[in-house]
Amino acid sequence: MADPHPISSGTVPTAAPASDEHRELSRLADALTDYGVWARIIDDDPPVLRVSNPQSDYAVEDVSCERRAHDHAFLASFGVYLGSSDSLALTARKVAWLVGAVER
């Protein structure tokens, strides 16, 4: 009979290694710190970066990341291309604009 409590048998569950997409979303989250927005990775499959403007009850955007031939692309929840992993500063500004944290 299988042990109904596998942790008690001395095994410790390990976290799955972060995907490339997770790492790129983390880099984007770091780039967003200058804009005063909140950003956290939601570990769905695939992961998304949930970005919100603390000055608004409604300005929230989930940014996804897709692997491309030479980099990663960041996409808004409605499918619009926001930028690439090779242009994090510009992409971060676009995301901050999208949630109303910066003017144009």
Protein backbone atom coordinates (compact mmCIF):
# COMPACT_ATOMS: atom_id res chain seq x y z
CA MET A 1 0.00 0.00 0.00
CA ALA A 2 1.31 3.45 -0.94
CA ASP A 3 2.25 5.86 1.82
CA PRO A 4 -0.66 8.36 2.08
CA HIS A 5 1.76 10.93 3.56
CA PRO A 6 4.79 10.99 1.26
CA ILE A 7 6.36 13.96 3.07
CA SER A 8 6.48 11.99 6.32
CA SER A 9 8.55 9.29 4.60
CA GLY A 10 11.50 11.66 4.32
CA THR A 11 10.95 12.95 0.80
CA VAL A 12 10.72 16.68 0.33
CA PRO A 13 8.85 18.08 -2.66
CA THR A 14 11.01 20.30 -4.80
CA ALA A 15 9.88 23.34 -6.73
CA ALA A 16 9.94 23.08 -10.49
CA PRO A 17 12.76 25.07 -12.08
CA ALA A 18 11.72 28.46 -13.38
CA SER A 19 10.99 28.52 -17.10
CA ASP A 20 12.69 30.93 -19.48
CA GLU A 21 9.40 32.81 -19.69
CA HIS A 22 9.25 33.09 -15.88
CA ARG A 23 12.79 34.50 -15.82
CA GLU A 24 12.00 37.06 -18.53
CA LEU A 25 8.82 38.15 -16.71
CA SER A 26 10.92 38.57 -13.58
CA ARG A 27 13.34 40.80 -15.48
CA LEU A 28 10.40 42.88 -16.72
CA ALA A 29 9.06 43.16 -13.16
CA ASP A 30 12.45 44.50 -12.07
CA ALA A 31 12.38 47.05 -14.90
CA LEU A 32 8.93 48.23 -13.74
CA THR A 33 10.06 49.18 -10.21
CA ASP A 34 10.95 52.72 -11.34
CA TYR A 35 7.31 53.39 -12.30
CA GLY A 36 5.73 52.79 -8.90
CA VAL A 37 3.50 49.97 -10.12
CA TRP A 38 2.97 46.62 -8.47
CA ALA A 39 4.13 43.59 -10.43
CA ARG A 40 3.98 39.95 -9.44
CA ILE A 41 4.32 36.74 -11.34
CA ILE A 42 1.28 34.49 -11.38
CA ASP A 43 2.55 30.94 -11.82
CA ASP A 44 -0.13 29.67 -14.14
CA ASP A 45 0.71 27.66 -17.22
CA PRO A 46 2.00 29.75 -18.87
CA PRO A 47 3.04 32.28 -16.21
CA VAL A 48 1.93 35.91 -16.49
CA LEU A 49 3.10 39.12 -14.91
CA ARG A 50 0.20 40.88 -13.20
CA VAL A 51 0.90 44.61 -13.21
CA SER A 52 -1.32 47.05 -11.37
CA ASN A 53 -1.32 50.74 -10.65
CA PRO A 54 -1.75 51.31 -6.89
CA GLN A 55 -3.38 54.68 -7.71
CA SER A 56 -6.29 52.94 -9.45
CA ASP A 57 -8.79 50.27 -8.49
CA TYR A 58 -9.14 49.13 -12.11
CA ALA A 59 -5.77 49.51 -13.86
CA VAL A 60 -4.52 45.92 -13.95
CA GLU A 61 -2.88 44.11 -16.83
CA ASP A 62 -1.62 40.56 -17.23
CA VAL A 63 1.46 40.46 -19.43
CA SER A 64 2.47 37.16 -20.99
CA CYS A 65 5.79 36.13 -22.46
CA GLU A 66 6.40 34.08 -25.60
CA ARG A 67 9.63 32.58 -26.81
CA ARG A 68 10.67 33.86 -30.24
CA ALA A 69 13.56 32.91 -32.52
CA HIS A 70 16.13 35.26 -30.93
CA ASP A 71 14.43 36.70 -27.84
CA HIS A 72 11.16 36.70 -25.90
CA ALA A 73 8.11 38.81 -26.70
CA PHE A 74 5.85 40.41 -24.10
CA LEU A 75 2.15 40.56 -24.92
CA ALA A 76 -0.78 42.34 -23.30
CA SER A 77 -3.71 40.18 -22.21
CA PHE A 78 -5.57 41.26 -25.35
CA GLY A 79 -2.74 40.10 -27.63
CA VAL A 80 -0.97 43.39 -28.43
CA TYR A 81 2.81 43.15 -28.72
CA LEU A 82 4.43 45.34 -26.04
CA GLY A 83 8.10 44.71 -26.69
CA SER A 84 10.89 42.21 -26.42
CA SER A 85 13.34 40.96 -23.85
CA ASP A 86 16.01 42.86 -25.79
CA SER A 87 14.28 46.19 -25.06
CA LEU A 88 13.19 45.88 -21.42
CA ALA A 89 13.30 49.61 -20.63
CA LEU A 90 10.99 50.50 -23.50
CA THR A 91 8.70 47.55 -22.78
CA ALA A 92 8.47 48.54 -19.11
CA ARG A 93 7.49 52.08 -20.08
CA LYS A 94 4.75 50.75 -22.38
CA VAL A 95 3.38 48.51 -19.63
CA ALA A 96 3.47 51.38 -17.13
CA TRP A 97 1.61 53.56 -19.66
CA LEU A 98 -0.94 50.80 -20.18
CA VAL A 99 -1.86 50.83 -16.48
CA GLY A 100 -1.84 54.63 -16.32
CA ALA A 101 1.35 55.12 -14.35
CA VAL A 102 2.94 57.43 -16.94
CA GLU A 103 1.76 59.91 -19.53
CA ARG A 104 2.63 59.15 -23.15
